[in-house]
Every structure is written in structure tokens, then in C-alpha cells.
């Protein structure tokens, strides 16, 4: 599974993007669980965000969802953090 995360906004406004492939990773099952949960939450909450808050775009294979601070779920936060930390 290929997961791409883009983050924009924030106080400084610098966009950040990272992507990773779960195949062969020891944590693949956890990343895929988080990705499935994030896709299932698509449209569950307001995407409007707040001034100086982050906006996220997560693409899992060919499906993209968007969400914004401050109302992001544990799964959304976990997936974003791991992909931005470990992805290229």
C-alpha cells in the first residue's frame, strides 16, 4: 500500500509532503490499519479548520481524503505523524 501525506498551513505556512510504501515494513499491518481507519472517517467531520491550523491531504493508493486541525482523530494523527516521520 502506498500512502502519501501532504500538510499545509500552520503559522509559518510551509508545506510538507512525504510518501511511503508499506510492503516489507515490519509495521505494515499497523500502518494499513491506520490508513483504513482514516479512509473510513472521510467526511466525518468539518474540514474547515482554524486560522494557522494545519490542513492535511492523505492519499492511500488511489483514494484521497482531506481534514484539518483542530478536530483530527487519533488514527489521523498517528498516520500523519508516522508517514511524515518515516516517509521520503
C-alpha atoms as a PDB file:
ATOM      1  CA  UNK A   1       0.000   0.000   0.000  1.00  0.00           C
ATOM      2  CA  UNK A   2       1.341   3.448  -0.914  1.00  0.00           C
ATOM      3  CA  UNK A   3       0.490   6.269   1.499  1.00  0.00           C
ATOM      4  CA  UNK A   4       1.169   9.940   0.799  1.00  0.00           C
ATOM      5  CA  UNK A   5       0.614  12.770   3.277  1.00  0.00           C
ATOM      6  CA  UNK A   6       0.654  16.484   2.487  1.00  0.00           C
ATOM      7  CA  UNK A   7       0.446  19.062   5.256  1.00  0.00           C
ATOM      8  CA  UNK A   8      -0.067  22.754   4.625  1.00  0.00           C
ATOM      9  CA  UNK A   9      -0.952  25.786   6.683  1.00  0.00           C
ATOM     10  CA  UNK A  10       0.285  26.345  10.186  1.00  0.00           C
ATOM     11  CA  UNK A  11       1.818  29.538  11.500  1.00  0.00           C
ATOM     12  CA  UNK A  12       4.748  29.537   9.060  1.00  0.00           C
ATOM     13  CA  UNK A  13       2.727  28.112   6.178  1.00  0.00           C
ATOM     14  CA  UNK A  14       5.448  25.785   4.875  1.00  0.00           C
ATOM     15  CA  UNK A  15       4.022  22.767   3.041  1.00  0.00           C
ATOM     16  CA  UNK A  16       5.415  19.335   3.903  1.00  0.00           C
ATOM     17  CA  UNK A  17       4.924  16.122   1.949  1.00  0.00           C
ATOM     18  CA  UNK A  18       6.080  12.535   2.437  1.00  0.00           C
ATOM     19  CA  UNK A  19       5.244   9.162   0.963  1.00  0.00           C
ATOM     20  CA  UNK A  20       5.920   5.585   1.951  1.00  0.00           C
ATOM     21  CA  UNK A  21       5.242   2.089   0.748  1.00  0.00           C
ATOM     22  CA  UNK A  22       4.085  -0.358   3.415  1.00  0.00           C
ATOM     23  CA  UNK A  23       5.298  -3.508   1.618  1.00  0.00           C
ATOM     24  CA  UNK A  24       8.119  -5.171   3.505  1.00  0.00           C
ATOM     25  CA  UNK A  25       7.914  -2.898   6.526  1.00  0.00           C
ATOM     26  CA  UNK A  26       7.714  -4.533   9.953  1.00  0.00           C
ATOM     27  CA  UNK A  27       4.963  -2.068  10.903  1.00  0.00           C
ATOM     28  CA  UNK A  28       2.974  -2.580   7.676  1.00  0.00           C
ATOM     29  CA  UNK A  29      -0.084  -4.038   9.420  1.00  0.00           C
ATOM     30  CA  UNK A  30      -0.346  -1.067  11.798  1.00  0.00           C
ATOM     31  CA  UNK A  31       0.122   1.491   9.022  1.00  0.00           C
ATOM     32  CA  UNK A  32      -2.515  -0.250   6.900  1.00  0.00           C
ATOM     33  CA  UNK A  33      -4.912  -0.348   9.867  1.00  0.00           C
ATOM     34  CA  UNK A  34      -4.438   3.389  10.414  1.00  0.00           C
ATOM     35  CA  UNK A  35      -4.876   4.093   6.693  1.00  0.00           C
ATOM     36  CA  UNK A  36      -8.116   2.085   6.569  1.00  0.00           C
ATOM     37  CA  UNK A  37      -9.441   3.961   9.613  1.00  0.00           C
ATOM     38  CA  UNK A  38      -8.557   7.336   8.074  1.00  0.00           C
ATOM     39  CA  UNK A  39     -10.309   6.435   4.823  1.00  0.00           C
ATOM     40  CA  UNK A  40     -13.367   5.253   6.765  1.00  0.00           C
ATOM     41  CA  UNK A  41     -13.542   8.631   8.539  1.00  0.00           C
ATOM     42  CA  UNK A  42     -13.663  10.587   5.277  1.00  0.00           C
ATOM     43  CA  UNK A  43     -16.242  13.334   5.520  1.00  0.00           C
ATOM     44  CA  UNK A  44     -16.990  12.524   9.171  1.00  0.00           C
ATOM     45  CA  UNK A  45     -16.143  15.977  10.437  1.00  0.00           C
ATOM     46  CA  UNK A  46     -15.762  19.578   9.334  1.00  0.00           C
ATOM     47  CA  UNK A  47     -12.810  20.175   7.039  1.00  0.00           C
ATOM     48  CA  UNK A  48     -12.831  23.955   7.554  1.00  0.00           C
ATOM     49  CA  UNK A  49     -10.043  24.109  10.102  1.00  0.00           C
ATOM     50  CA  UNK A  50      -8.918  27.127  12.059  1.00  0.00           C
ATOM     51  CA  UNK A  51      -6.620  30.061  11.268  1.00  0.00           C
ATOM     52  CA  UNK A  52      -2.966  28.945  11.456  1.00  0.00           C
ATOM     53  CA  UNK A  53      -4.071  25.313  11.776  1.00  0.00           C
ATOM     54  CA  UNK A  54      -2.741  22.534   9.634  1.00  0.00           C
ATOM     55  CA  UNK A  55      -4.640  21.089   6.680  1.00  0.00           C
ATOM     56  CA  UNK A  56      -3.915  17.538   5.615  1.00  0.00           C
ATOM     57  CA  UNK A  57      -4.364  15.546   2.458  1.00  0.00           C
ATOM     58  CA  UNK A  58      -3.858  11.785   2.752  1.00  0.00           C
ATOM     59  CA  UNK A  59      -3.768   9.579  -0.332  1.00  0.00           C
ATOM     60  CA  UNK A  60      -3.902   5.829   0.113  1.00  0.00           C
ATOM     61  CA  UNK A  61      -3.241   4.126  -3.211  1.00  0.00           C
ATOM     62  CA  UNK A  62      -5.803   5.976  -5.395  1.00  0.00           C
ATOM     63  CA  UNK A  63      -8.141   7.411  -2.745  1.00  0.00           C
ATOM     64  CA  UNK A  64      -7.649  10.850  -1.151  1.00  0.00           C
ATOM     65  CA  UNK A  65      -9.204  12.337   1.974  1.00  0.00           C
ATOM     66  CA  UNK A  66      -8.712  15.771   3.492  1.00  0.00           C
ATOM     67  CA  UNK A  67      -9.093  17.050   7.034  1.00  0.00           C
ATOM     68  CA  UNK A  68      -7.893  19.931   9.194  1.00  0.00           C
ATOM     69  CA  UNK A  69      -6.934  20.899  12.728  1.00  0.00           C
ATOM     70  CA  UNK A  70      -8.134  21.001  15.390  1.00  0.00           C
ATOM     71  CA  UNK A  71     -10.548  18.098  15.030  1.00  0.00           C
ATOM     72  CA  UNK A  72      -8.448  15.206  13.858  1.00  0.00           C
ATOM     73  CA  UNK A  73      -8.820  11.690  15.192  1.00  0.00           C
ATOM     74  CA  UNK A  74      -6.161   9.585  16.896  1.00  0.00           C
ATOM     75  CA  UNK A  75      -5.891   7.484  13.745  1.00  0.00           C
ATOM     76  CA  UNK A  76      -5.454  10.544  11.522  1.00  0.00           C
ATOM     77  CA  UNK A  77      -2.796  11.972  13.820  1.00  0.00           C
ATOM     78  CA  UNK A  78      -0.997   8.638  14.106  1.00  0.00           C
ATOM     79  CA  UNK A  79      -0.888   8.060  10.361  1.00  0.00           C
ATOM     80  CA  UNK A  80       0.197  11.620   9.562  1.00  0.00           C
ATOM     81  CA  UNK A  81       2.934  11.563  12.198  1.00  0.00           C
ATOM     82  CA  UNK A  82       4.365   8.230  11.037  1.00  0.00           C
ATOM     83  CA  UNK A  83       4.314   8.994   7.328  1.00  0.00           C
ATOM     84  CA  UNK A  84       5.846  12.451   7.781  1.00  0.00           C
ATOM     85  CA  UNK A  85       8.499  10.992  10.103  1.00  0.00           C
ATOM     86  CA  UNK A  86       9.381   7.830   8.159  1.00  0.00           C
ATOM     87  CA  UNK A  87       8.456   8.688   4.571  1.00  0.00           C
ATOM     88  CA  UNK A  88      10.590  10.148   1.866  1.00  0.00           C
END
